Amino acid sequence: MRPVETLAKAIGVTLVVSGPWLAVIIFSWIRWSRAKQPRTLSSTFSLAGLVLATASVLFAFVPSLCTGSFDIARQLGVWVSLAAVFVAVCGAWRPHPLRWRALACGAGMVVFWFLSLVLE
């Protein structure tokens, strides 16, 4: 197999596996932007969790497309996604638009990074 074919297959598998989580993250950002509720401490924590989950997604895709080096991005992605889950749990005590979505995004990225470590 040529390296280009291997890279194309790896990108395809990554998109299939992480596609649902990407959709959840995108729709969570849309839901947050349309929310009319006042911003509370709880919603701020959930927003921070969503920001960290989005950063974790960027650690998954950008380094692998630019340099092919995935080790440092993987380490950062794991820690950022764990921080996203922690912050999202802190923000889940009151109802607001991002309550469970931020937690799902962070947890989805933890699963993604776990699978990338196991399947290496």
N, C-alpha and C. Protein backbone atom coordinates (compact mmCIF):
# COMPACT_ATOMS: atom_id res chain seq x y z
N MET A 1 0.82 -1.18 0.00
CA MET A 1 0.00 0.00 0.00
C MET A 1 0.87 1.25 0.00
N ARG A 2 0.46 2.22 -0.74
CA ARG A 2 1.20 3.49 -0.77
C ARG A 2 0.82 4.34 0.44
N PRO A 3 1.73 5.22 0.88
CA PRO A 3 1.44 6.06 2.04
C PRO A 3 0.21 6.94 1.86
N VAL A 4 -0.06 7.38 0.65
CA VAL A 4 -1.22 8.24 0.40
C VAL A 4 -2.50 7.46 0.65
N GLU A 5 -2.54 6.21 0.20
CA GLU A 5 -3.73 5.38 0.42
C GLU A 5 -3.92 5.10 1.90
N THR A 6 -2.84 4.84 2.62
CA THR A 6 -2.92 4.59 4.05
C THR A 6 -3.43 5.82 4.79
N LEU A 7 -2.92 6.99 4.42
CA LEU A 7 -3.37 8.23 5.05
C LEU A 7 -4.84 8.48 4.75
N ALA A 8 -5.26 8.24 3.52
CA ALA A 8 -6.65 8.45 3.15
C ALA A 8 -7.57 7.51 3.92
N LYS A 9 -7.16 6.25 4.08
CA LYS A 9 -7.96 5.30 4.85
C LYS A 9 -8.02 5.70 6.32
N ALA A 10 -6.89 6.16 6.87
CA ALA A 10 -6.86 6.58 8.27
C ALA A 10 -7.77 7.78 8.50
N ILE A 11 -7.76 8.73 7.58
CA ILE A 11 -8.63 9.90 7.71
C ILE A 11 -10.10 9.47 7.58
N GLY A 12 -10.38 8.57 6.66
CA GLY A 12 -11.75 8.08 6.49
C GLY A 12 -12.27 7.36 7.72
N VAL A 13 -11.46 6.49 8.30
CA VAL A 13 -11.87 5.76 9.51
C VAL A 13 -12.06 6.74 10.66
N THR A 14 -11.17 7.72 10.78
CA THR A 14 -11.28 8.71 11.85
C THR A 14 -12.57 9.49 11.72
N LEU A 15 -12.93 9.88 10.51
CA LEU A 15 -14.17 10.63 10.32
C LEU A 15 -15.40 9.79 10.62
N VAL A 16 -15.37 8.51 10.27
CA VAL A 16 -16.51 7.64 10.54
C VAL A 16 -16.67 7.42 12.05
N VAL A 17 -15.54 7.22 12.74
CA VAL A 17 -15.60 6.96 14.17
C VAL A 17 -15.97 8.23 14.94
N SER A 18 -15.38 9.35 14.56
CA SER A 18 -15.60 10.58 15.32
C SER A 18 -16.67 11.47 14.71
N GLY A 19 -17.27 11.08 13.62
CA GLY A 19 -18.30 11.88 12.96
C GLY A 19 -19.48 12.23 13.85
N PRO A 20 -20.05 11.25 14.56
CA PRO A 20 -21.16 11.60 15.45
C PRO A 20 -20.78 12.60 16.53
N TRP A 21 -19.57 12.49 17.06
CA TRP A 21 -19.14 13.44 18.10
C TRP A 21 -18.93 14.81 17.51
N LEU A 22 -18.43 14.87 16.29
CA LEU A 22 -18.29 16.16 15.62
C LEU A 22 -19.65 16.82 15.42
N ALA A 23 -20.64 16.01 15.04
CA ALA A 23 -21.99 16.55 14.87
C ALA A 23 -22.55 17.07 16.19
N VAL A 24 -22.33 16.34 17.27
CA VAL A 24 -22.80 16.79 18.58
C VAL A 24 -22.13 18.10 18.96
N ILE A 25 -20.84 18.22 18.70
CA ILE A 25 -20.12 19.46 19.04
C ILE A 25 -20.65 20.63 18.20
N ILE A 26 -20.84 20.42 16.92
CA ILE A 26 -21.33 21.50 16.05
C ILE A 26 -22.73 21.93 16.48
N PHE A 27 -23.63 20.96 16.72
CA PHE A 27 -24.99 21.31 17.13
C PHE A 27 -25.03 21.92 18.53
N SER A 28 -24.07 21.57 19.38
CA SER A 28 -24.00 22.19 20.70
C SER A 28 -23.62 23.66 20.58
N TRP A 29 -22.68 23.97 19.70
CA TRP A 29 -22.32 25.38 19.49
C TRP A 29 -23.50 26.15 18.92
N ILE A 30 -24.24 25.55 18.01
CA ILE A 30 -25.43 26.21 17.45
C ILE A 30 -26.47 26.43 18.53
N ARG A 31 -26.69 25.43 19.36
CA ARG A 31 -27.67 25.56 20.44
C ARG A 31 -27.27 26.64 21.43
N TRP A 32 -25.99 26.71 21.76
CA TRP A 32 -25.53 27.74 22.70
C TRP A 32 -25.70 29.14 22.10
N SER A 33 -25.42 29.28 20.81
CA SER A 33 -25.53 30.62 20.20
C SER A 33 -26.98 31.09 20.11
N ARG A 34 -27.92 30.17 20.04
CA ARG A 34 -29.33 30.54 19.93
C ARG A 34 -30.04 30.62 21.28
N ALA A 35 -29.37 30.25 22.35
CA ALA A 35 -30.01 30.21 23.67
C ALA A 35 -30.37 31.61 24.14
N LYS A 36 -31.56 31.74 24.71
CA LYS A 36 -32.03 33.02 25.22
C LYS A 36 -31.92 33.11 26.74
N GLN A 37 -31.54 32.01 27.38
CA GLN A 37 -31.45 32.01 28.84
C GLN A 37 -30.26 32.84 29.29
N PRO A 38 -30.36 33.42 30.49
CA PRO A 38 -29.21 34.18 31.00
C PRO A 38 -28.04 33.25 31.30
N ARG A 39 -26.86 33.77 31.18
CA ARG A 39 -25.65 32.99 31.45
C ARG A 39 -25.43 32.92 32.96
N THR A 40 -25.34 31.71 33.46
CA THR A 40 -25.11 31.48 34.88
C THR A 40 -23.74 30.83 35.06
N LEU A 41 -23.36 30.62 36.31
CA LEU A 41 -22.08 29.95 36.58
C LEU A 41 -22.09 28.53 36.02
N SER A 42 -23.22 27.86 36.17
CA SER A 42 -23.35 26.50 35.64
C SER A 42 -23.19 26.47 34.12
N SER A 43 -23.85 27.39 33.44
CA SER A 43 -23.74 27.40 31.98
C SER A 43 -22.34 27.82 31.53
N THR A 44 -21.66 28.65 32.33
CA THR A 44 -20.29 29.03 32.01
C THR A 44 -19.35 27.84 32.12
N PHE A 45 -19.54 27.01 33.14
CA PHE A 45 -18.74 25.79 33.26
C PHE A 45 -18.98 24.86 32.07
N SER A 46 -20.23 24.70 31.68
CA SER A 46 -20.53 23.83 30.54
C SER A 46 -19.96 24.40 29.25
N LEU A 47 -20.00 25.72 29.11
CA LEU A 47 -19.40 26.34 27.94
C LEU A 47 -17.90 26.09 27.92
N ALA A 48 -17.24 26.20 29.07
CA ALA A 48 -15.81 25.91 29.14
C ALA A 48 -15.53 24.45 28.78
N GLY A 49 -16.40 23.53 29.21
CA GLY A 49 -16.25 22.13 28.82
C GLY A 49 -16.39 21.93 27.33
N LEU A 50 -17.33 22.66 26.72
CA LEU A 50 -17.50 22.57 25.26
C LEU A 50 -16.29 23.16 24.53
N VAL A 51 -15.74 24.24 25.05
CA VAL A 51 -14.54 24.83 24.44
C VAL A 51 -13.38 23.84 24.51
N LEU A 52 -13.21 23.19 25.66
CA LEU A 52 -12.12 22.22 25.80
C LEU A 52 -12.33 21.00 24.91
N ALA A 53 -13.57 20.54 24.79
CA ALA A 53 -13.86 19.41 23.89
C ALA A 53 -13.57 19.78 22.44
N THR A 54 -13.90 21.01 22.06
CA THR A 54 -13.59 21.48 20.71
C THR A 54 -12.08 21.55 20.50
N ALA A 55 -11.35 22.01 21.50
CA ALA A 55 -9.89 22.04 21.40
C ALA A 55 -9.33 20.63 21.25
N SER A 56 -9.94 19.67 21.94
CA SER A 56 -9.50 18.29 21.82
C SER A 56 -9.72 17.75 20.41
N VAL A 57 -10.82 18.16 19.79
CA VAL A 57 -11.06 17.77 18.39
C VAL A 57 -9.97 18.35 17.50
N LEU A 58 -9.60 19.59 17.76
CA LEU A 58 -8.55 20.21 16.95
C LEU A 58 -7.22 19.48 17.13
N PHE A 59 -6.93 19.03 18.35
CA PHE A 59 -5.71 18.25 18.57
C PHE A 59 -5.77 16.92 17.82
N ALA A 60 -6.95 16.43 17.55
CA ALA A 60 -7.08 15.16 16.83
C ALA A 60 -6.83 15.32 15.34
N PHE A 61 -7.26 16.43 14.76
CA PHE A 61 -7.21 16.54 13.30
C PHE A 61 -6.07 17.39 12.76
N VAL A 62 -5.79 18.50 13.37
CA VAL A 62 -4.82 19.44 12.78
C VAL A 62 -3.40 18.86 12.73
N PRO A 63 -2.83 18.33 13.82
CA PRO A 63 -1.45 17.81 13.71
C PRO A 63 -1.33 16.63 12.75
N SER A 64 -2.33 15.78 12.70
CA SER A 64 -2.23 14.62 11.81
C SER A 64 -2.29 15.04 10.35
N LEU A 65 -2.96 16.13 10.04
CA LEU A 65 -3.01 16.60 8.66
C LEU A 65 -1.75 17.39 8.29
N CYS A 66 -1.19 18.12 9.23
CA CYS A 66 -0.05 19.00 8.92
C CYS A 66 1.28 18.24 8.89
N THR A 67 1.57 17.51 9.96
CA THR A 67 2.90 16.92 10.07
C THR A 67 2.91 15.41 10.07
N GLY A 68 1.81 14.80 10.40
CA GLY A 68 1.79 13.36 10.53
C GLY A 68 2.23 12.90 11.91
N SER A 69 2.78 13.78 12.73
CA SER A 69 3.19 13.45 14.09
C SER A 69 1.98 13.56 15.00
N PHE A 70 1.74 12.50 15.72
CA PHE A 70 0.49 12.42 16.47
C PHE A 70 0.74 12.27 17.97
N ASP A 71 1.99 12.05 18.40
CA ASP A 71 2.27 11.72 19.80
C ASP A 71 1.99 12.88 20.75
N ILE A 72 2.52 14.05 20.47
CA ILE A 72 2.30 15.20 21.36
C ILE A 72 0.84 15.62 21.32
N ALA A 73 0.24 15.60 20.14
CA ALA A 73 -1.17 15.95 20.02
C ALA A 73 -2.04 14.96 20.80
N ARG A 74 -1.66 13.69 20.79
CA ARG A 74 -2.42 12.68 21.53
C ARG A 74 -2.35 12.95 23.03
N GLN A 75 -1.16 13.25 23.53
CA GLN A 75 -1.02 13.54 24.96
C GLN A 75 -1.83 14.76 25.36
N LEU A 76 -1.71 15.82 24.58
CA LEU A 76 -2.49 17.03 24.87
C LEU A 76 -3.99 16.77 24.75
N GLY A 77 -4.38 16.02 23.74
CA GLY A 77 -5.79 15.72 23.53
C GLY A 77 -6.41 14.95 24.67
N VAL A 78 -5.67 13.99 25.20
CA VAL A 78 -6.17 13.20 26.34
C VAL A 78 -6.41 14.11 27.53
N TRP A 79 -5.42 14.94 27.87
CA TRP A 79 -5.56 15.81 29.04
C TRP A 79 -6.63 16.87 28.85
N VAL A 80 -6.72 17.42 27.66
CA VAL A 80 -7.75 18.44 27.40
C VAL A 80 -9.14 17.82 27.44
N SER A 81 -9.31 16.63 26.91
CA SER A 81 -10.63 16.00 26.95
C SER A 81 -11.02 15.60 28.37
N LEU A 82 -10.05 15.15 29.17
CA LEU A 82 -10.36 14.86 30.58
C LEU A 82 -10.74 16.13 31.33
N ALA A 83 -10.06 17.22 31.03
CA ALA A 83 -10.42 18.51 31.64
C ALA A 83 -11.81 18.94 31.19
N ALA A 84 -12.16 18.67 29.93
CA ALA A 84 -13.48 19.01 29.42
C ALA A 84 -14.57 18.26 30.18
N VAL A 85 -14.33 16.98 30.44
CA VAL A 85 -15.32 16.19 31.20
C VAL A 85 -15.45 16.74 32.62
N PHE A 86 -14.32 17.03 33.26
CA PHE A 86 -14.36 17.55 34.63
C PHE A 86 -15.12 18.87 34.71
N VAL A 87 -14.81 19.79 33.82
CA VAL A 87 -15.48 21.10 33.84
C VAL A 87 -16.96 20.96 33.48
N ALA A 88 -17.28 20.08 32.52
CA ALA A 88 -18.68 19.88 32.14
C ALA A 88 -19.47 19.26 33.29
N VAL A 89 -18.86 18.37 34.06
CA VAL A 89 -19.55 17.80 35.23
C VAL A 89 -19.81 18.90 36.26
N CYS A 90 -18.85 19.81 36.41
CA CYS A 90 -19.05 20.93 37.34
C CYS A 90 -20.20 21.82 36.90
N GLY A 91 -20.48 21.87 35.61
CA GLY A 91 -21.55 22.72 35.11
C GLY A 91 -22.88 22.02 34.92
N ALA A 92 -22.99 20.77 35.33
CA ALA A 92 -24.21 20.00 35.05
C ALA A 92 -25.25 20.05 36.17
N TRP A 93 -25.08 20.89 37.18
CA TRP A 93 -26.01 20.83 38.30
C TRP A 93 -27.28 21.64 38.09
N ARG A 94 -27.33 22.53 37.11
CA ARG A 94 -28.55 23.30 36.83
C ARG A 94 -28.92 23.17 35.36
N PRO A 95 -30.22 23.20 35.06
CA PRO A 95 -30.63 23.07 33.66
C PRO A 95 -30.25 24.29 32.82
N HIS A 96 -29.71 24.04 31.66
CA HIS A 96 -29.39 25.04 30.65
C HIS A 96 -29.12 24.31 29.35
N PRO A 97 -29.01 25.03 28.23
CA PRO A 97 -28.91 24.36 26.92
C PRO A 97 -27.71 23.44 26.74
N LEU A 98 -26.60 23.70 27.39
CA LEU A 98 -25.40 22.87 27.19
C LEU A 98 -25.19 21.82 28.27
N ARG A 99 -26.13 21.67 29.15
CA ARG A 99 -25.95 20.84 30.34
C ARG A 99 -25.38 19.46 30.01
N TRP A 100 -26.06 18.69 29.20
CA TRP A 100 -25.61 17.33 28.90
C TRP A 100 -24.80 17.26 27.62
N ARG A 101 -24.95 18.23 26.75
CA ARG A 101 -24.22 18.21 25.49
C ARG A 101 -22.72 18.40 25.71
N ALA A 102 -22.36 19.32 26.60
CA ALA A 102 -20.93 19.54 26.88
C ALA A 102 -20.31 18.29 27.49
N LEU A 103 -21.05 17.64 28.37
CA LEU A 103 -20.55 16.41 28.98
C LEU A 103 -20.42 15.31 27.93
N ALA A 104 -21.37 15.21 27.02
CA ALA A 104 -21.31 14.20 25.96
C ALA A 104 -20.13 14.46 25.02
N CYS A 105 -19.89 15.72 24.71
CA CYS A 105 -18.77 16.06 23.83
C CYS A 105 -17.43 15.69 24.47
N GLY A 106 -17.27 16.05 25.74
CA GLY A 106 -16.03 15.70 26.43
C GLY A 106 -15.85 14.20 26.57
N ALA A 107 -16.94 13.50 26.93
CA ALA A 107 -16.86 12.04 27.08
C ALA A 107 -16.57 11.38 25.73
N GLY A 108 -17.16 11.90 24.67
CA GLY A 108 -16.91 11.35 23.34
C GLY A 108 -15.45 11.50 22.94
N MET A 109 -14.86 12.61 23.30
CA MET A 109 -13.44 12.81 22.98
C MET A 109 -12.55 11.92 23.85
N VAL A 110 -12.94 11.67 25.09
CA VAL A 110 -12.18 10.73 25.93
C VAL A 110 -12.22 9.35 25.29
N VAL A 111 -13.38 8.93 24.80
CA VAL A 111 -13.50 7.64 24.12
C VAL A 111 -12.64 7.62 22.86
N PHE A 112 -12.67 8.70 22.10
CA PHE A 112 -11.84 8.78 20.89
C PHE A 112 -10.37 8.61 21.21
N TRP A 113 -9.88 9.34 22.23
CA TRP A 113 -8.46 9.25 22.57
C TRP A 113 -8.11 7.89 23.15
N PHE A 114 -9.03 7.30 23.92
CA PHE A 114 -8.78 5.95 24.44
C PHE A 114 -8.66 4.97 23.29
N LEU A 115 -9.56 5.05 22.32
CA LEU A 115 -9.49 4.14 21.17
C LEU A 115 -8.22 4.37 20.35
N SER A 116 -7.80 5.64 20.24
CA SER A 116 -6.58 5.89 19.47
C SER A 116 -5.36 5.32 20.18
N LEU A 117 -5.38 5.29 21.50
CA LEU A 117 -4.26 4.68 22.25
C LEU A 117 -4.30 3.16 22.16
N VAL A 118 -5.47 2.59 22.27
CA VAL A 118 -5.61 1.13 22.26
C VAL A 118 -5.35 0.55 20.87
N LEU A 119 -5.82 1.22 19.85
CA LEU A 119 -5.71 0.69 18.49
C LEU A 119 -4.41 1.07 17.79
N GLU A 120 -3.50 1.67 18.50
CA GLU A 120 -2.23 2.08 17.89
C GLU A 120 -1.42 0.90 17.45
